[in-house]
Amino acid sequence: MTPVEKPSALNRARKKKAAAIKAEGEFARQLKSILVFQEIDKQSADKMDNSFRPKKTIYALTGERLKMKDIAFVIKLKGFTGLYRLFSAYHADCHTNERGEPVVVFQRRS
């Protein structure tokens, strides 16, 4: 299992096709806010990436209200197209560890 602590490490692990990726702490808390996009499709991802009003476009396409800090976090993950690539290759599970901190585990899809 590959541990990651920042967006660039997650992108690198995805490109190397790691079997499992694990995020803990604050980074997992940020990832938890975008797990609603696990079922994103390519066309929606492209529309959200190219929008001049991302908050309104995201709400219109998904019904989810995101804060600007969450949208900025998505941009660090190479935008919504990067999320599409991540979630098409991995399935994410979120749980808490013994200290009560969130843990997000990505398992590679077969």
N, C-alpha and C. Protein backbone atom coordinates (compact mmCIF):
# COMPACT_ATOMS: atom_id res chain seq x y z
N MET A 1 0.85 -1.17 0.00
CA MET A 1 0.00 0.00 0.00
C MET A 1 0.90 1.24 0.00
N THR A 2 0.63 2.12 -0.92
CA THR A 2 1.42 3.34 -1.07
C THR A 2 0.81 4.47 -0.25
N PRO A 3 1.51 4.99 0.76
CA PRO A 3 0.97 6.11 1.53
C PRO A 3 1.21 7.43 0.79
N VAL A 4 0.21 8.31 0.80
CA VAL A 4 0.33 9.62 0.17
C VAL A 4 -0.10 10.70 1.15
N GLU A 5 0.53 11.87 1.04
CA GLU A 5 0.23 12.98 1.95
C GLU A 5 -0.10 14.28 1.23
N LYS A 6 -0.02 14.28 -0.11
CA LYS A 6 -0.32 15.49 -0.86
C LYS A 6 -0.78 15.12 -2.27
N PRO A 7 -1.42 16.05 -2.97
CA PRO A 7 -1.98 15.75 -4.29
C PRO A 7 -0.95 15.25 -5.30
N SER A 8 0.25 15.81 -5.31
CA SER A 8 1.24 15.38 -6.29
C SER A 8 1.65 13.92 -6.07
N ALA A 9 1.71 13.50 -4.81
CA ALA A 9 2.05 12.10 -4.52
C ALA A 9 0.93 11.17 -4.97
N LEU A 10 -0.31 11.61 -4.82
CA LEU A 10 -1.45 10.81 -5.28
C LEU A 10 -1.43 10.67 -6.80
N ASN A 11 -1.18 11.76 -7.51
CA ASN A 11 -1.09 11.73 -8.97
C ASN A 11 0.05 10.82 -9.43
N ARG A 12 1.18 10.88 -8.75
CA ARG A 12 2.33 10.05 -9.09
C ARG A 12 2.02 8.56 -8.88
N ALA A 13 1.37 8.24 -7.76
CA ALA A 13 1.02 6.84 -7.48
C ALA A 13 0.01 6.33 -8.50
N ARG A 14 -0.93 7.18 -8.90
CA ARG A 14 -1.91 6.77 -9.91
C ARG A 14 -1.23 6.48 -11.24
N LYS A 15 -0.28 7.34 -11.64
CA LYS A 15 0.43 7.15 -12.90
C LYS A 15 1.29 5.89 -12.88
N LYS A 16 1.81 5.53 -11.71
CA LYS A 16 2.62 4.32 -11.59
C LYS A 16 1.76 3.07 -11.41
N LYS A 17 0.43 3.24 -11.40
CA LYS A 17 -0.54 2.16 -11.29
C LYS A 17 -0.33 1.33 -10.02
N ALA A 18 -0.21 2.02 -8.89
CA ALA A 18 -0.07 1.35 -7.60
C ALA A 18 -1.33 0.53 -7.32
N ALA A 19 -1.16 -0.64 -6.69
CA ALA A 19 -2.29 -1.52 -6.41
C ALA A 19 -3.23 -0.91 -5.37
N ALA A 20 -2.67 -0.23 -4.38
CA ALA A 20 -3.48 0.40 -3.34
C ALA A 20 -2.80 1.69 -2.89
N ILE A 21 -3.60 2.70 -2.61
CA ILE A 21 -3.09 4.00 -2.16
C ILE A 21 -3.83 4.37 -0.89
N LYS A 22 -3.08 4.86 0.11
CA LYS A 22 -3.69 5.19 1.39
C LYS A 22 -3.37 6.64 1.77
N ALA A 23 -4.41 7.39 2.14
CA ALA A 23 -4.25 8.78 2.59
C ALA A 23 -4.81 8.89 4.00
N GLU A 24 -4.10 9.61 4.86
CA GLU A 24 -4.54 9.79 6.24
C GLU A 24 -4.48 11.26 6.63
N GLY A 25 -5.12 11.58 7.73
CA GLY A 25 -5.04 12.92 8.32
C GLY A 25 -5.76 13.98 7.52
N GLU A 26 -5.15 15.16 7.44
CA GLU A 26 -5.76 16.32 6.78
C GLU A 26 -5.98 16.08 5.29
N PHE A 27 -5.04 15.40 4.64
CA PHE A 27 -5.18 15.11 3.21
C PHE A 27 -6.39 14.20 2.98
N ALA A 28 -6.61 13.23 3.85
CA ALA A 28 -7.78 12.35 3.74
C ALA A 28 -9.06 13.14 3.97
N ARG A 29 -9.02 14.10 4.86
CA ARG A 29 -10.20 14.94 5.12
C ARG A 29 -10.57 15.73 3.87
N GLN A 30 -9.55 16.22 3.16
CA GLN A 30 -9.82 16.94 1.91
C GLN A 30 -10.35 16.00 0.84
N LEU A 31 -9.78 14.81 0.75
CA LEU A 31 -10.24 13.83 -0.24
C LEU A 31 -11.67 13.41 0.03
N LYS A 32 -12.03 13.32 1.29
CA LYS A 32 -13.38 12.90 1.67
C LYS A 32 -14.43 13.84 1.09
N SER A 33 -14.10 15.12 0.97
CA SER A 33 -15.06 16.10 0.45
C SER A 33 -15.32 15.93 -1.04
N ILE A 34 -14.43 15.25 -1.77
CA ILE A 34 -14.62 15.09 -3.21
C ILE A 34 -14.99 13.67 -3.61
N LEU A 35 -15.22 12.80 -2.64
CA LEU A 35 -15.59 11.42 -2.96
C LEU A 35 -16.97 11.33 -3.62
N VAL A 36 -17.74 12.40 -3.58
CA VAL A 36 -19.05 12.41 -4.24
C VAL A 36 -18.91 12.32 -5.75
N PHE A 37 -17.71 12.53 -6.28
CA PHE A 37 -17.48 12.48 -7.72
C PHE A 37 -16.98 11.12 -8.20
N GLN A 38 -17.18 10.07 -7.43
CA GLN A 38 -16.71 8.74 -7.83
C GLN A 38 -17.37 8.25 -9.11
N GLU A 39 -18.58 8.70 -9.38
CA GLU A 39 -19.30 8.24 -10.57
C GLU A 39 -19.30 9.28 -11.68
N ILE A 40 -18.30 10.14 -11.69
CA ILE A 40 -18.21 11.21 -12.70
C ILE A 40 -17.92 10.59 -14.07
N ASP A 41 -18.54 11.17 -15.12
CA ASP A 41 -18.25 10.70 -16.47
C ASP A 41 -17.36 11.73 -17.19
N LYS A 42 -16.81 11.32 -18.30
CA LYS A 42 -15.83 12.14 -19.03
C LYS A 42 -16.42 13.47 -19.50
N GLN A 43 -17.66 13.45 -20.02
CA GLN A 43 -18.26 14.67 -20.53
C GLN A 43 -18.51 15.68 -19.40
N SER A 44 -19.01 15.21 -18.27
CA SER A 44 -19.25 16.11 -17.14
C SER A 44 -17.94 16.69 -16.62
N ALA A 45 -16.90 15.85 -16.56
CA ALA A 45 -15.59 16.32 -16.10
C ALA A 45 -15.06 17.42 -17.01
N ASP A 46 -15.21 17.24 -18.32
CA ASP A 46 -14.75 18.27 -19.27
C ASP A 46 -15.53 19.57 -19.10
N LYS A 47 -16.86 19.47 -18.92
CA LYS A 47 -17.68 20.67 -18.74
C LYS A 47 -17.28 21.41 -17.47
N MET A 48 -17.03 20.68 -16.39
CA MET A 48 -16.66 21.32 -15.12
C MET A 48 -15.28 21.95 -15.20
N ASP A 49 -14.35 21.32 -15.92
CA ASP A 49 -13.01 21.88 -16.06
C ASP A 49 -12.99 23.16 -16.89
N ASN A 50 -13.85 23.25 -17.88
CA ASN A 50 -13.83 24.38 -18.81
C ASN A 50 -14.83 25.47 -18.46
N SER A 51 -15.45 25.39 -17.32
CA SER A 51 -16.48 26.34 -16.93
C SER A 51 -15.88 27.64 -16.39
N PHE A 52 -16.55 28.77 -16.72
CA PHE A 52 -16.16 30.05 -16.15
C PHE A 52 -16.75 30.24 -14.76
N ARG A 53 -17.82 29.52 -14.47
CA ARG A 53 -18.46 29.56 -13.15
C ARG A 53 -18.49 28.14 -12.59
N PRO A 54 -17.39 27.67 -12.06
CA PRO A 54 -17.34 26.26 -11.65
C PRO A 54 -18.36 25.88 -10.58
N LYS A 55 -18.63 26.76 -9.63
CA LYS A 55 -19.58 26.42 -8.57
C LYS A 55 -20.97 26.16 -9.14
N LYS A 56 -21.41 27.02 -10.06
CA LYS A 56 -22.75 26.85 -10.65
C LYS A 56 -22.79 25.64 -11.58
N THR A 57 -21.74 25.41 -12.34
CA THR A 57 -21.70 24.28 -13.25
C THR A 57 -21.70 22.96 -12.48
N ILE A 58 -20.93 22.89 -11.41
CA ILE A 58 -20.88 21.68 -10.59
C ILE A 58 -22.25 21.40 -9.99
N TYR A 59 -22.90 22.44 -9.50
CA TYR A 59 -24.22 22.26 -8.91
C TYR A 59 -25.24 21.81 -9.97
N ALA A 60 -25.16 22.39 -11.16
CA ALA A 60 -26.10 22.04 -12.23
C ALA A 60 -25.91 20.60 -12.69
N LEU A 61 -24.66 20.14 -12.77
CA LEU A 61 -24.39 18.79 -13.28
C LEU A 61 -24.56 17.71 -12.23
N THR A 62 -24.22 18.01 -10.98
CA THR A 62 -24.21 16.95 -9.96
C THR A 62 -25.18 17.17 -8.82
N GLY A 63 -25.61 18.40 -8.61
CA GLY A 63 -26.47 18.69 -7.46
C GLY A 63 -25.68 18.89 -6.18
N GLU A 64 -24.36 18.88 -6.25
CA GLU A 64 -23.49 19.06 -5.09
C GLU A 64 -23.04 20.51 -5.00
N ARG A 65 -23.01 21.05 -3.80
CA ARG A 65 -22.49 22.39 -3.58
C ARG A 65 -21.07 22.26 -3.01
N LEU A 66 -20.11 22.80 -3.72
CA LEU A 66 -18.71 22.76 -3.28
C LEU A 66 -18.25 24.16 -2.90
N LYS A 67 -17.37 24.23 -1.93
CA LYS A 67 -16.74 25.49 -1.56
C LYS A 67 -15.56 25.73 -2.50
N MET A 68 -15.12 26.96 -2.58
CA MET A 68 -14.00 27.29 -3.46
C MET A 68 -12.72 26.58 -3.04
N LYS A 69 -12.53 26.34 -1.73
CA LYS A 69 -11.32 25.64 -1.30
C LYS A 69 -11.34 24.19 -1.79
N ASP A 70 -12.54 23.58 -1.90
CA ASP A 70 -12.63 22.22 -2.45
C ASP A 70 -12.34 22.22 -3.94
N ILE A 71 -12.81 23.24 -4.64
CA ILE A 71 -12.54 23.35 -6.07
C ILE A 71 -11.04 23.57 -6.31
N ALA A 72 -10.42 24.38 -5.46
CA ALA A 72 -8.97 24.59 -5.57
C ALA A 72 -8.22 23.28 -5.32
N PHE A 73 -8.72 22.47 -4.39
CA PHE A 73 -8.10 21.16 -4.13
C PHE A 73 -8.24 20.25 -5.35
N VAL A 74 -9.39 20.28 -6.01
CA VAL A 74 -9.59 19.48 -7.22
C VAL A 74 -8.61 19.91 -8.30
N ILE A 75 -8.36 21.20 -8.40
CA ILE A 75 -7.41 21.70 -9.40
C ILE A 75 -6.01 21.14 -9.14
N LYS A 76 -5.64 20.98 -7.87
CA LYS A 76 -4.34 20.39 -7.54
C LYS A 76 -4.27 18.93 -7.96
N LEU A 77 -5.43 18.28 -8.07
CA LEU A 77 -5.49 16.89 -8.52
C LEU A 77 -5.65 16.80 -10.04
N LYS A 78 -5.22 17.82 -10.75
CA LYS A 78 -5.29 17.93 -12.21
C LYS A 78 -6.72 18.12 -12.70
N GLY A 79 -7.54 18.79 -11.92
CA GLY A 79 -8.90 19.14 -12.32
C GLY A 79 -9.86 17.96 -12.27
N PHE A 80 -11.05 18.19 -12.79
CA PHE A 80 -12.07 17.15 -12.77
C PHE A 80 -11.73 16.03 -13.74
N THR A 81 -10.98 16.33 -14.79
CA THR A 81 -10.52 15.28 -15.69
C THR A 81 -9.56 14.34 -14.94
N GLY A 82 -8.72 14.91 -14.08
CA GLY A 82 -7.84 14.09 -13.24
C GLY A 82 -8.63 13.23 -12.27
N LEU A 83 -9.73 13.79 -11.73
CA LEU A 83 -10.60 13.01 -10.86
C LEU A 83 -11.24 11.86 -11.63
N TYR A 84 -11.67 12.14 -12.86
CA TYR A 84 -12.26 11.10 -13.70
C TYR A 84 -11.25 9.97 -13.90
N ARG A 85 -10.00 10.32 -14.21
CA ARG A 85 -8.96 9.30 -14.40
C ARG A 85 -8.71 8.51 -13.12
N LEU A 86 -8.69 9.22 -11.99
CA LEU A 86 -8.45 8.57 -10.70
C LEU A 86 -9.58 7.60 -10.37
N PHE A 87 -10.82 8.07 -10.46
CA PHE A 87 -11.95 7.23 -10.06
C PHE A 87 -12.30 6.17 -11.10
N SER A 88 -11.85 6.32 -12.34
CA SER A 88 -12.08 5.24 -13.31
C SER A 88 -11.08 4.11 -13.10
N ALA A 89 -9.94 4.41 -12.49
CA ALA A 89 -8.93 3.38 -12.25
C ALA A 89 -8.99 2.82 -10.82
N TYR A 90 -9.53 3.59 -9.87
CA TYR A 90 -9.53 3.19 -8.46
C TYR A 90 -10.92 3.33 -7.84
N HIS A 91 -11.17 2.48 -6.87
CA HIS A 91 -12.38 2.58 -6.04
C HIS A 91 -11.94 3.07 -4.67
N ALA A 92 -12.62 4.06 -4.12
CA ALA A 92 -12.22 4.65 -2.84
C ALA A 92 -13.14 4.20 -1.72
N ASP A 93 -12.55 3.89 -0.56
CA ASP A 93 -13.28 3.59 0.67
C ASP A 93 -12.79 4.55 1.73
N CYS A 94 -13.71 5.07 2.52
CA CYS A 94 -13.37 6.00 3.58
C CYS A 94 -13.79 5.42 4.91
N HIS A 95 -12.88 5.44 5.88
CA HIS A 95 -13.18 5.01 7.24
C HIS A 95 -12.31 5.81 8.21
N THR A 96 -12.39 5.52 9.48
CA THR A 96 -11.58 6.23 10.48
C THR A 96 -10.62 5.26 11.14
N ASN A 97 -9.48 5.78 11.58
CA ASN A 97 -8.51 4.94 12.28
C ASN A 97 -8.79 4.96 13.78
N GLU A 98 -7.92 4.34 14.56
CA GLU A 98 -8.15 4.24 16.00
C GLU A 98 -8.11 5.61 16.70
N ARG A 99 -7.46 6.60 16.10
CA ARG A 99 -7.41 7.94 16.68
C ARG A 99 -8.59 8.80 16.24
N GLY A 100 -9.49 8.27 15.43
CA GLY A 100 -10.64 9.01 14.97
C GLY A 100 -10.38 9.89 13.76
N GLU A 101 -9.22 9.75 13.12
CA GLU A 101 -8.90 10.53 11.93
C GLU A 101 -9.41 9.80 10.69
N PRO A 102 -9.83 10.54 9.66
CA PRO A 102 -10.29 9.87 8.45
C PRO A 102 -9.14 9.21 7.69
N VAL A 103 -9.45 8.08 7.07
CA VAL A 103 -8.49 7.36 6.24
C VAL A 103 -9.21 7.02 4.93
N VAL A 104 -8.60 7.37 3.80
CA VAL A 104 -9.15 7.05 2.49
C VAL A 104 -8.21 6.06 1.82
N VAL A 105 -8.77 4.93 1.40
CA VAL A 105 -7.99 3.89 0.74
C VAL A 105 -8.52 3.72 -0.68
N PHE A 106 -7.63 3.83 -1.65
CA PHE A 106 -7.97 3.61 -3.07
C PHE A 106 -7.47 2.22 -3.46
N GLN A 107 -8.38 1.39 -3.96
CA GLN A 107 -8.03 0.06 -4.47
C GLN A 107 -8.15 0.07 -5.98
N ARG A 108 -7.13 -0.47 -6.66
CA ARG A 108 -7.14 -0.50 -8.12
C ARG A 108 -8.26 -1.42 -8.61
N ARG A 109 -9.02 -0.94 -9.59
CA ARG A 109 -10.09 -1.76 -10.18
C ARG A 109 -9.47 -2.80 -11.10
N SER A 110 -10.11 -3.97 -11.17
CA SER A 110 -9.55 -5.01 -12.05
C SER A 110 -10.10 -4.94 -13.44
